[in-house]
Amino acid sequence: MEGWKLLIYFYGLLKNYSIYKQIKIMSDIRQEMDQVINELKNKGIHETTNPNEITGLGDVLESTLTKFGITQERYKNWFGLEECGCTERKKWLNGLFSWHTKK
C-alpha cells in the first residue's frame, strides 16, 4: 500500500474510533442520568410532582439565612447592589439538590 493510501486508511480508522468514543461517552452519560431519574422517582419526584411539594438546597439556605436576619434586601444594601443574583442562585441550588416533602 502506498504511503498516502495508508495515511488515509489510518485517518479513517482514527475518525471512526473517535466517533465510537463519543457515542460510548453519550451512552455512559445517558445511563448515569437514567440512574438519577430512577432514584428521584423512587423518592417520589416525577414529572407530575407539584413544585410546591419540593424543597431544595436553595430554599433551605434562604430560610436559614433569613433566620439570622440576612435577606436579599439587606444583602443588596450592604454591598450597594441593584440586583444580588440571589434568586438565580437559589433556583440553581434547588435544581442541583432537591427532594420531595410531604404536606
PDB file of N, CA and C in Angstrom:
ATOM      1  N   MET A   1       0.853  -1.171   0.000  1.00  0.00           N
ATOM      2  CA  MET A   1       0.000   0.000   0.000  1.00  0.00           C
ATOM      3  C   MET A   1       0.899   1.234   0.000  1.00  0.00           C
ATOM      4  N   GLU A   2       0.553   2.198  -0.835  1.00  0.00           N
ATOM      5  CA  GLU A   2       1.340   3.422  -0.891  1.00  0.00           C
ATOM      6  C   GLU A   2       1.162   4.213   0.392  1.00  0.00           C
ATOM      7  N   GLY A   3       2.136   5.075   0.694  1.00  0.00           N
ATOM      8  CA  GLY A   3       2.145   5.833   1.933  1.00  0.00           C
ATOM      9  C   GLY A   3       0.909   6.682   2.131  1.00  0.00           C
ATOM     10  N   TRP A   4       0.468   7.422   1.107  1.00  0.00           N
ATOM     11  CA  TRP A   4      -0.683   8.302   1.263  1.00  0.00           C
ATOM     12  C   TRP A   4      -1.965   7.517   1.444  1.00  0.00           C
ATOM     13  N   LYS A   5      -2.067   6.344   0.797  1.00  0.00           N
ATOM     14  CA  LYS A   5      -3.246   5.496   0.975  1.00  0.00           C
ATOM     15  C   LYS A   5      -3.290   4.939   2.393  1.00  0.00           C
ATOM     16  N   LEU A   6      -2.111   4.588   2.898  1.00  0.00           N
ATOM     17  CA  LEU A   6      -2.016   4.086   4.256  1.00  0.00           C
ATOM     18  C   LEU A   6      -2.432   5.170   5.259  1.00  0.00           C
ATOM     19  N   LEU A   7      -1.988   6.399   5.021  1.00  0.00           N
ATOM     20  CA  LEU A   7      -2.373   7.512   5.888  1.00  0.00           C
ATOM     21  C   LEU A   7      -3.879   7.734   5.866  1.00  0.00           C
ATOM     22  N   ILE A   8      -4.475   7.691   4.697  1.00  0.00           N
ATOM     23  CA  ILE A   8      -5.928   7.867   4.576  1.00  0.00           C
ATOM     24  C   ILE A   8      -6.645   6.730   5.310  1.00  0.00           C
ATOM     25  N   TYR A   9      -6.145   5.523   5.173  1.00  0.00           N
ATOM     26  CA  TYR A   9      -6.741   4.370   5.838  1.00  0.00           C
ATOM     27  C   TYR A   9      -6.712   4.561   7.360  1.00  0.00           C
ATOM     28  N   PHE A  10      -5.529   4.927   7.908  1.00  0.00           N
ATOM     29  CA  PHE A  10      -5.409   5.119   9.356  1.00  0.00           C
ATOM     30  C   PHE A  10      -6.221   6.323   9.837  1.00  0.00           C
ATOM     31  N   TYR A  11      -6.287   7.366   9.015  1.00  0.00           N
ATOM     32  CA  TYR A  11      -7.109   8.519   9.370  1.00  0.00           C
ATOM     33  C   TYR A  11      -8.569   8.085   9.507  1.00  0.00           C
ATOM     34  N   GLY A  12      -9.048   7.266   8.585  1.00  0.00           N
ATOM     35  CA  GLY A  12     -10.416   6.748   8.647  1.00  0.00           C
ATOM     36  C   GLY A  12     -10.649   5.919   9.897  1.00  0.00           C
ATOM     37  N   LEU A  13      -9.662   5.086  10.247  1.00  0.00           N
ATOM     38  CA  LEU A  13      -9.780   4.291  11.467  1.00  0.00           C
ATOM     39  C   LEU A  13      -9.852   5.180  12.711  1.00  0.00           C
ATOM     40  N   LEU A  14      -8.979   6.189  12.763  1.00  0.00           N
ATOM     41  CA  LEU A  14      -8.972   7.099  13.908  1.00  0.00           C
ATOM     42  C   LEU A  14     -10.279   7.876  14.003  1.00  0.00           C
ATOM     43  N   LYS A  15     -10.769   8.320  12.864  1.00  0.00           N
ATOM     44  CA  LYS A  15     -12.017   9.084  12.848  1.00  0.00           C
ATOM     45  C   LYS A  15     -13.164   8.208  13.355  1.00  0.00           C
ATOM     46  N   ASN A  16     -13.236   6.969  12.878  1.00  0.00           N
ATOM     47  CA  ASN A  16     -14.281   6.053  13.324  1.00  0.00           C
ATOM     48  C   ASN A  16     -14.141   5.750  14.808  1.00  0.00           C
ATOM     49  N   TYR A  17     -12.909   5.614  15.297  1.00  0.00           N
ATOM     50  CA  TYR A  17     -12.689   5.364  16.714  1.00  0.00           C
ATOM     51  C   TYR A  17     -13.142   6.569  17.541  1.00  0.00           C
ATOM     52  N   SER A  18     -12.862   7.767  17.057  1.00  0.00           N
ATOM     53  CA  SER A  18     -13.279   8.989  17.745  1.00  0.00           C
ATOM     54  C   SER A  18     -14.793   9.062  17.839  1.00  0.00           C
ATOM     55  N   ILE A  19     -15.486   8.737  16.754  1.00  0.00           N
ATOM     56  CA  ILE A  19     -16.950   8.724  16.752  1.00  0.00           C
ATOM     57  C   ILE A  19     -17.457   7.661  17.724  1.00  0.00           C
ATOM     58  N   TYR A  20     -16.811   6.489  17.720  1.00  0.00           N
ATOM     59  CA  TYR A  20     -17.195   5.409  18.642  1.00  0.00           C
ATOM     60  C   TYR A  20     -17.059   5.880  20.088  1.00  0.00           C
ATOM     61  N   LYS A  21     -15.937   6.560  20.412  1.00  0.00           N
ATOM     62  CA  LYS A  21     -15.729   7.040  21.778  1.00  0.00           C
ATOM     63  C   LYS A  21     -16.804   8.053  22.170  1.00  0.00           C
ATOM     64  N   GLN A  22     -17.177   8.942  21.253  1.00  0.00           N
ATOM     65  CA  GLN A  22     -18.214   9.928  21.559  1.00  0.00           C
ATOM     66  C   GLN A  22     -19.550   9.244  21.830  1.00  0.00           C
ATOM     67  N   ILE A  23     -19.886   8.253  21.015  1.00  0.00           N
ATOM     68  CA  ILE A  23     -21.137   7.510  21.209  1.00  0.00           C
ATOM     69  C   ILE A  23     -21.101   6.784  22.550  1.00  0.00           C
ATOM     70  N   LYS A  24     -19.954   6.191  22.892  1.00  0.00           N
ATOM     71  CA  LYS A  24     -19.803   5.474  24.159  1.00  0.00           C
ATOM     72  C   LYS A  24     -19.963   6.437  25.334  1.00  0.00           C
ATOM     73  N   ILE A  25     -19.369   7.622  25.240  1.00  0.00           N
ATOM     74  CA  ILE A  25     -19.482   8.621  26.305  1.00  0.00           C
ATOM     75  C   ILE A  25     -20.931   9.042  26.472  1.00  0.00           C
ATOM     76  N   MET A  26     -21.630   9.301  25.362  1.00  0.00           N
ATOM     77  CA  MET A  26     -23.037   9.690  25.439  1.00  0.00           C
ATOM     78  C   MET A  26     -23.873   8.572  26.050  1.00  0.00           C
ATOM     79  N   SER A  27     -23.553   7.347  25.714  1.00  0.00           N
ATOM     80  CA  SER A  27     -24.275   6.206  26.277  1.00  0.00           C
ATOM     81  C   SER A  27     -24.047   6.127  27.780  1.00  0.00           C
ATOM     82  N   ASP A  28     -22.797   6.336  28.207  1.00  0.00           N
ATOM     83  CA  ASP A  28     -22.488   6.319  29.637  1.00  0.00           C
ATOM     84  C   ASP A  28     -23.231   7.433  30.366  1.00  0.00           C
ATOM     85  N   ILE A  29     -23.266   8.626  29.785  1.00  0.00           N
ATOM     86  CA  ILE A  29     -23.966   9.758  30.392  1.00  0.00           C
ATOM     87  C   ILE A  29     -25.456   9.450  30.498  1.00  0.00           C
ATOM     88  N   ARG A  30     -26.021   8.891  29.439  1.00  0.00           N
ATOM     89  CA  ARG A  30     -27.444   8.545  29.459  1.00  0.00           C
ATOM     90  C   ARG A  30     -27.742   7.536  30.567  1.00  0.00           C
ATOM     91  N   GLN A  31     -26.862   6.556  30.745  1.00  0.00           N
ATOM     92  CA  GLN A  31     -27.060   5.568  31.805  1.00  0.00           C
ATOM     93  C   GLN A  31     -27.012   6.227  33.185  1.00  0.00           C
ATOM     94  N   GLU A  32     -26.063   7.141  33.372  1.00  0.00           N
ATOM     95  CA  GLU A  32     -25.969   7.841  34.653  1.00  0.00           C
ATOM     96  C   GLU A  32     -27.218   8.682  34.907  1.00  0.00           C
ATOM     97  N   MET A  33     -27.690   9.387  33.890  1.00  0.00           N
ATOM     98  CA  MET A  33     -28.886  10.212  34.041  1.00  0.00           C
ATOM     99  C   MET A  33     -30.104   9.349  34.325  1.00  0.00           C
ATOM    100  N   ASP A  34     -30.195   8.198  33.678  1.00  0.00           N
ATOM    101  CA  ASP A  34     -31.304   7.284  33.955  1.00  0.00           C
ATOM    102  C   ASP A  34     -31.281   6.834  35.411  1.00  0.00           C
ATOM    103  N   GLN A  35     -30.091   6.592  35.951  1.00  0.00           N
ATOM    104  CA  GLN A  35     -29.981   6.201  37.353  1.00  0.00           C
ATOM    105  C   GLN A  35     -30.467   7.333  38.258  1.00  0.00           C
ATOM    106  N   VAL A  36     -30.078   8.566  37.942  1.00  0.00           N
ATOM    107  CA  VAL A  36     -30.508   9.713  38.740  1.00  0.00           C
ATOM    108  C   VAL A  36     -32.025   9.865  38.678  1.00  0.00           C
ATOM    109  N   ILE A  37     -32.586   9.770  37.476  1.00  0.00           N
ATOM    110  CA  ILE A  37     -34.032   9.907  37.300  1.00  0.00           C
ATOM    111  C   ILE A  37     -34.764   8.809  38.062  1.00  0.00           C
ATOM    112  N   ASN A  38     -34.272   7.585  37.976  1.00  0.00           N
ATOM    113  CA  ASN A  38     -34.907   6.475  38.702  1.00  0.00           C
ATOM    114  C   ASN A  38     -34.838   6.689  40.208  1.00  0.00           C
ATOM    115  N   GLU A  39     -33.713   7.215  40.695  1.00  0.00           N
ATOM    116  CA  GLU A  39     -33.585   7.482  42.133  1.00  0.00           C
ATOM    117  C   GLU A  39     -34.574   8.564  42.560  1.00  0.00           C
ATOM    118  N   LEU A  40     -34.721   9.610  41.750  1.00  0.00           N
ATOM    119  CA  LEU A  40     -35.704  10.654  42.060  1.00  0.00           C
ATOM    120  C   LEU A  40     -37.120  10.080  42.068  1.00  0.00           C
ATOM    121  N   LYS A  41     -37.418   9.215  41.106  1.00  0.00           N
ATOM    122  CA  LYS A  41     -38.739   8.583  41.077  1.00  0.00           C
ATOM    123  C   LYS A  41     -38.958   7.731  42.322  1.00  0.00           C
ATOM    124  N   ASN A  42     -37.928   7.019  42.756  1.00  0.00           N
ATOM    125  CA  ASN A  42     -38.033   6.212  43.972  1.00  0.00           C
ATOM    126  C   ASN A  42     -38.315   7.072  45.198  1.00  0.00           C
ATOM    127  N   LYS A  43     -37.842   8.318  45.166  1.00  0.00           N
ATOM    128  CA  LYS A  43     -38.067   9.223  46.290  1.00  0.00           C
ATOM    129  C   LYS A  43     -39.373   9.996  46.144  1.00  0.00           C
ATOM    130  N   GLY A  44     -40.136   9.705  45.085  1.00  0.00           N
ATOM    131  CA  GLY A  44     -41.448  10.322  44.928  1.00  0.00           C
ATOM    132  C   GLY A  44     -41.471  11.556  44.045  1.00  0.00           C
ATOM    133  N   ILE A  45     -40.373  11.877  43.374  1.00  0.00           N
ATOM    134  CA  ILE A  45     -40.339  13.040  42.498  1.00  0.00           C
ATOM    135  C   ILE A  45     -40.445  12.555  41.058  1.00  0.00           C
ATOM    136  N   HIS A  46     -41.405  13.086  40.333  1.00  0.00           N
ATOM    137  CA  HIS A  46     -41.565  12.741  38.928  1.00  0.00           C
ATOM    138  C   HIS A  46     -42.126  13.939  38.190  1.00  0.00           C
ATOM    139  N   GLU A  47     -42.381  13.778  36.907  1.00  0.00           N
ATOM    140  CA  GLU A  47     -42.777  14.913  36.068  1.00  0.00           C
ATOM    141  C   GLU A  47     -44.080  15.568  36.487  1.00  0.00           C
ATOM    142  N   THR A  48     -44.924  14.876  37.240  1.00  0.00           N
ATOM    143  CA  THR A  48     -46.198  15.469  37.661  1.00  0.00           C
ATOM    144  C   THR A  48     -46.159  15.992  39.101  1.00  0.00           C
ATOM    145  N   THR A  49     -44.987  15.973  39.712  1.00  0.00           N
ATOM    146  CA  THR A  49     -44.861  16.462  41.086  1.00  0.00           C
ATOM    147  C   THR A  49     -45.122  17.964  41.120  1.00  0.00           C
ATOM    148  N   ASN A  50     -45.938  18.375  42.052  1.00  0.00           N
ATOM    149  CA  ASN A  50     -46.245  19.786  42.244  1.00  0.00           C
ATOM    150  C   ASN A  50     -45.004  20.492  42.786  1.00  0.00           C
ATOM    151  N   PRO A  51     -44.564  21.592  42.145  1.00  0.00           N
ATOM    152  CA  PRO A  51     -43.371  22.296  42.617  1.00  0.00           C
ATOM    153  C   PRO A  51     -43.483  22.762  44.072  1.00  0.00           C
ATOM    154  N   ASN A  52     -44.708  22.959  44.569  1.00  0.00           N
ATOM    155  CA  ASN A  52     -44.881  23.380  45.957  1.00  0.00           C
ATOM    156  C   ASN A  52     -44.582  22.258  46.943  1.00  0.00           C
ATOM    157  N   GLU A  53     -44.452  21.028  46.433  1.00  0.00           N
ATOM    158  CA  GLU A  53     -44.154  19.887  47.287  1.00  0.00           C
ATOM    159  C   GLU A  53     -42.667  19.549  47.282  1.00  0.00           C
ATOM    160  N   ILE A  54     -41.862  20.404  46.668  1.00  0.00           N
ATOM    161  CA  ILE A  54     -40.437  20.142  46.571  1.00  0.00           C
ATOM    162  C   ILE A  54     -39.672  21.202  47.352  1.00  0.00           C
ATOM    163  N   THR A  55     -38.720  20.769  48.146  1.00  0.00           N
ATOM    164  CA  THR A  55     -37.821  21.662  48.857  1.00  0.00           C
ATOM    165  C   THR A  55     -36.431  21.413  48.311  1.00  0.00           C
ATOM    166  N   GLY A  56     -35.677  22.477  48.147  1.00  0.00           N
ATOM    167  CA  GLY A  56     -34.332  22.328  47.629  1.00  0.00           C
ATOM    168  C   GLY A  56     -33.308  23.002  48.523  1.00  0.00           C
ATOM    169  N   LEU A  57     -32.055  22.800  48.164  1.00  0.00           N
ATOM    170  CA  LEU A  57     -30.956  23.371  48.920  1.00  0.00           C
ATOM    171  C   LEU A  57     -31.048  24.896  48.959  1.00  0.00           C
ATOM    172  N   GLY A  58     -31.454  25.510  47.850  1.00  0.00           N
ATOM    173  CA  GLY A  58     -31.614  26.960  47.819  1.00  0.00           C
ATOM    174  C   GLY A  58     -32.660  27.441  48.802  1.00  0.00           C
ATOM    175  N   ASP A  59     -33.769  26.700  48.909  1.00  0.00           N
ATOM    176  CA  ASP A  59     -34.827  27.050  49.873  1.00  0.00           C
ATOM    177  C   ASP A  59     -34.304  26.955  51.303  1.00  0.00           C
ATOM    178  N   VAL A  60     -33.569  25.887  51.575  1.00  0.00           N
ATOM    179  CA  VAL A  60     -33.038  25.679  52.919  1.00  0.00           C
ATOM    180  C   VAL A  60     -32.038  26.779  53.273  1.00  0.00           C
ATOM    181  N   LEU A  61     -31.169  27.111  52.328  1.00  0.00           N
ATOM    182  CA  LEU A  61     -30.181  28.159  52.564  1.00  0.00           C
ATOM    183  C   LEU A  61     -30.863  29.504  52.807  1.00  0.00           C
ATOM    184  N   GLU A  62     -31.866  29.821  51.991  1.00  0.00           N
ATOM    185  CA  GLU A  62     -32.589  31.078  52.156  1.00  0.00           C
ATOM    186  C   GLU A  62     -33.272  31.147  53.531  1.00  0.00           C
ATOM    187  N   SER A  63     -33.940  30.077  53.929  1.00  0.00           N
ATOM    188  CA  SER A  63     -34.645  30.110  55.220  1.00  0.00           C
ATOM    189  C   SER A  63     -33.656  30.193  56.385  1.00  0.00           C
ATOM    190  N   THR A  64     -32.515  29.552  56.254  1.00  0.00           N
ATOM    191  CA  THR A  64     -31.505  29.606  57.307  1.00  0.00           C
ATOM    192  C   THR A  64     -30.937  31.015  57.437  1.00  0.00           C
ATOM    193  N   LEU A  65     -30.582  31.625  56.312  1.00  0.00           N
ATOM    194  CA  LEU A  65     -30.042  32.987  56.350  1.00  0.00           C
ATOM    195  C   LEU A  65     -31.079  33.974  56.869  1.00  0.00           C
ATOM    196  N   THR A  66     -32.342  33.778  56.478  1.00  0.00           N
ATOM    197  CA  THR A  66     -33.416  34.664  56.930  1.00  0.00           C
ATOM    198  C   THR A  66     -33.571  34.598  58.444  1.00  0.00           C
ATOM    199  N   LYS A  67     -33.385  33.415  59.028  1.00  0.00           N
ATOM    200  CA  LYS A  67     -33.472  33.272  60.487  1.00  0.00           C
ATOM    201  C   LYS A  67     -32.439  34.139  61.198  1.00  0.00           C
ATOM    202  N   PHE A  68     -31.318  34.387  60.519  1.00  0.00           N
ATOM    203  CA  PHE A  68     -30.267  35.220  61.098  1.00  0.00           C
ATOM    204  C   PHE A  68     -30.360  36.670  60.616  1.00  0.00           C
ATOM    205  N   GLY A  69     -31.470  37.004  59.948  1.00  0.00           N
ATOM    206  CA  GLY A  69     -31.692  38.377  59.512  1.00  0.00           C
ATOM    207  C   GLY A  69     -30.999  38.759  58.223  1.00  0.00           C
ATOM    208  N   ILE A  70     -30.478  37.780  57.508  1.00  0.00           N
ATOM    209  CA  ILE A  70     -29.795  38.065  56.243  1.00  0.00           C
ATOM    210  C   ILE A  70     -30.778  37.807  55.107  1.00  0.00           C
ATOM    211  N   THR A  71     -31.335  38.883  54.580  1.00  0.00           N
ATOM    212  CA  THR A  71     -32.305  38.800  53.491  1.00  0.00           C
ATOM    213  C   THR A  71     -31.675  39.359  52.222  1.00  0.00           C
ATOM    214  N   GLN A  72     -32.377  39.190  51.102  1.00  0.00           N
ATOM    215  CA  GLN A  72     -31.888  39.740  49.840  1.00  0.00           C
ATOM    216  C   GLN A  72     -31.744  41.255  49.925  1.00  0.00           C
ATOM    217  N   GLU A  73     -32.731  41.909  50.502  1.00  0.00           N
ATOM    218  CA  GLU A  73     -32.696  43.372  50.613  1.00  0.00           C
ATOM    219  C   GLU A  73     -31.517  43.842  51.462  1.00  0.00           C
ATOM    220  N   ARG A  74     -31.321  43.150  52.559  1.00  0.00           N
ATOM    221  CA  ARG A  74     -30.210  43.521  53.437  1.00  0.00           C
ATOM    222  C   ARG A  74     -28.872  43.304  52.742  1.00  0.00           C
ATOM    223  N   TYR A  75     -28.746  42.203  52.022  1.00  0.00           N
ATOM    224  CA  TYR A  75     -27.519  41.900  51.277  1.00  0.00           C
ATOM    225  C   TYR A  75     -27.254  42.981  50.236  1.00  0.00           C
ATOM    226  N   LYS A  76     -28.307  43.381  49.506  1.00  0.00           N
ATOM    227  CA  LYS A  76     -28.158  44.435  48.494  1.00  0.00           C
ATOM    228  C   LYS A  76     -27.715  45.741  49.139  1.00  0.00           C
ATOM    229  N   ASN A  77     -28.296  46.077  50.283  1.00  0.00           N
ATOM    230  CA  ASN A  77     -27.925  47.309  50.982  1.00  0.00           C
ATOM    231  C   ASN A  77     -26.481  47.278  51.457  1.00  0.00           C
ATOM    232  N   TRP A  78     -26.036  46.141  51.984  1.00  0.00           N
ATOM    233  CA  TRP A  78     -24.668  46.021  52.473  1.00  0.00           C
ATOM    234  C   TRP A  78     -23.651  46.326  51.378  1.00  0.00           C
ATOM    235  N   PHE A  79     -23.922  45.812  50.182  1.00  0.00           N
ATOM    236  CA  PHE A  79     -22.950  45.924  49.102  1.00  0.00           C
ATOM    237  C   PHE A  79     -23.340  46.941  48.034  1.00  0.00           C
ATOM    238  N   GLY A  80     -24.424  47.687  48.265  1.00  0.00           N
ATOM    239  CA  GLY A  80     -24.851  48.716  47.324  1.00  0.00           C
ATOM    240  C   GLY A  80     -25.216  48.169  45.951  1.00  0.00           C
ATOM    241  N   LEU A  81     -25.935  47.082  45.933  1.00  0.00           N
ATOM    242  CA  LEU A  81     -26.292  46.414  44.682  1.00  0.00           C
ATOM    243  C   LEU A  81     -27.741  46.687  44.301  1.00  0.00           C
ATOM    244  N   GLU A  82     -27.980  46.799  42.999  1.00  0.00           N
ATOM    245  CA  GLU A  82     -29.351  46.875  42.484  1.00  0.00           C
ATOM    246  C   GLU A  82     -29.971  45.479  42.493  1.00  0.00           C
ATOM    247  N   GLU A  83     -29.175  44.503  42.050  1.00  0.00           N
ATOM    248  CA  GLU A  83     -29.619  43.109  41.984  1.00  0.00           C
ATOM    249  C   GLU A  83     -28.477  42.246  42.504  1.00  0.00           C
ATOM    250  N   CYS A  84     -28.798  41.319  43.399  1.00  0.00           N
ATOM    251  CA  CYS A  84     -27.754  40.496  44.018  1.00  0.00           C
ATOM    252  C   CYS A  84     -27.580  39.131  43.350  1.00  0.00           C
ATOM    253  N   GLY A  85     -28.559  38.700  42.561  1.00  0.00           N
ATOM    254  CA  GLY A  85     -28.485  37.391  41.923  1.00  0.00           C
ATOM    255  C   GLY A  85     -28.890  36.249  42.849  1.00  0.00           C
ATOM    256  N   CYS A  86     -29.435  36.591  44.013  1.00  0.00           N
ATOM    257  CA  CYS A  86     -29.812  35.570  44.995  1.00  0.00           C
ATOM    258  C   CYS A  86     -30.880  34.622  44.448  1.00  0.00           C
ATOM    259  N   THR A  87     -31.847  35.169  43.734  1.00  0.00           N
ATOM    260  CA  THR A  87     -32.937  34.342  43.211  1.00  0.00           C
ATOM    261  C   THR A  87     -32.410  33.314  42.217  1.00  0.00           C
ATOM    262  N   GLU A  88     -31.489  33.731  41.355  1.00  0.00           N
ATOM    263  CA  GLU A  88     -30.920  32.794  40.379  1.00  0.00           C
ATOM    264  C   GLU A  88     -30.093  31.719  41.070  1.00  0.00           C
ATOM    265  N   ARG A  89     -29.307  32.110  42.071  1.00  0.00           N
ATOM    266  CA  ARG A  89     -28.521  31.120  42.816  1.00  0.00           C
ATOM    267  C   ARG A  89     -29.440  30.143  43.545  1.00  0.00           C
ATOM    268  N   LYS A  90     -30.531  30.655  44.106  1.00  0.00           N
ATOM    269  CA  LYS A  90     -31.490  29.793  44.797  1.00  0.00           C
ATOM    270  C   LYS A  90     -32.072  28.766  43.824  1.00  0.00           C
ATOM    271  N   LYS A  91     -32.486  29.230  42.637  1.00  0.00           N
ATOM    272  CA  LYS A  91     -33.034  28.312  41.627  1.00  0.00           C
ATOM    273  C   LYS A  91     -31.990  27.272  41.227  1.00  0.00           C
ATOM    274  N   TRP A  92     -30.749  27.724  41.052  1.00  0.00           N
ATOM    275  CA  TRP A  92     -29.681  26.820  40.636  1.00  0.00           C
ATOM    276  C   TRP A  92     -29.453  25.757  41.707  1.00  0.00           C
ATOM    277  N   LEU A  93     -29.367  26.179  42.968  1.00  0.00           N
ATOM    278  CA  LEU A  93     -29.162  25.219  44.057  1.00  0.00           C
ATOM    279  C   LEU A  93     -30.353  24.280  44.203  1.00  0.00           C
ATOM    280  N   ASN A  94     -31.565  24.801  44.018  1.00  0.00           N
ATOM    281  CA  ASN A  94     -32.751  23.938  44.069  1.00  0.00           C
ATOM    282  C   ASN A  94     -32.707  22.902  42.958  1.00  0.00           C
ATOM    283  N   GLY A  95     -32.241  23.309  41.779  1.00  0.00           N
ATOM    284  CA  GLY A  95     -32.130  22.363  40.666  1.00  0.00           C
ATOM    285  C   GLY A  95     -31.057  21.326  40.902  1.00  0.00           C
ATOM    286  N   LEU A  96     -30.030  21.725  41.620  1.00  0.00           N
ATOM    287  CA  LEU A  96     -28.919  20.817  41.882  1.00  0.00           C
ATOM    288  C   LEU A  96     -29.272  19.783  42.947  1.00  0.00           C
ATOM    289  N   PHE A  97     -29.881  20.249  44.046  1.00  0.00           N
ATOM    290  CA  PHE A  97     -30.264  19.361  45.149  1.00  0.00           C
ATOM    291  C   PHE A  97     -31.681  19.700  45.579  1.00  0.00           C
ATOM    292  N   SER A  98     -32.605  18.801  45.344  1.00  0.00           N
ATOM    293  CA  SER A  98     -33.963  18.998  45.809  1.00  0.00           C
ATOM    294  C   SER A  98     -34.569  17.647  46.187  1.00  0.00           C
ATOM    295  N   TRP A  99     -35.608  17.720  46.999  1.00  0.00           N
ATOM    296  CA  TRP A  99     -36.237  16.500  47.476  1.00  0.00           C
ATOM    297  C   TRP A  99     -37.720  16.746  47.706  1.00  0.00           C
ATOM    298  N   HIS A 100     -38.465  15.684  47.739  1.00  0.00           N
ATOM    299  CA  HIS A 100     -39.920  15.721  47.865  1.00  0.00           C
ATOM    300  C   HIS A 100     -40.278  15.856  49.340  1.00  0.00           C
ATOM    301  N   THR A 101     -41.209  16.744  49.641  1.00  0.00           N
ATOM    302  CA  THR A 101     -41.665  16.881  51.019  1.00  0.00           C
ATOM    303  C   THR A 101     -43.133  16.492  51.105  1.00  0.00           C
ATOM    304  N   LYS A 102     -43.512  15.900  52.202  1.00  0.00           N
ATOM    305  CA  LYS A 102     -44.916  15.526  52.395  1.00  0.00           C
ATOM    306  C   LYS A 102     -45.613  16.662  53.100  1.00  0.00           C
ATOM    307  N   LYS A 103     -46.732  17.088  52.545  1.00  0.00           N
ATOM    308  CA  LYS A 103     -47.504  18.190  53.145  1.00  0.00           C
ATOM    309  C   LYS A 103     -48.714  17.651  53.836  1.00  0.00           C
TER     310      LYS A 103
END
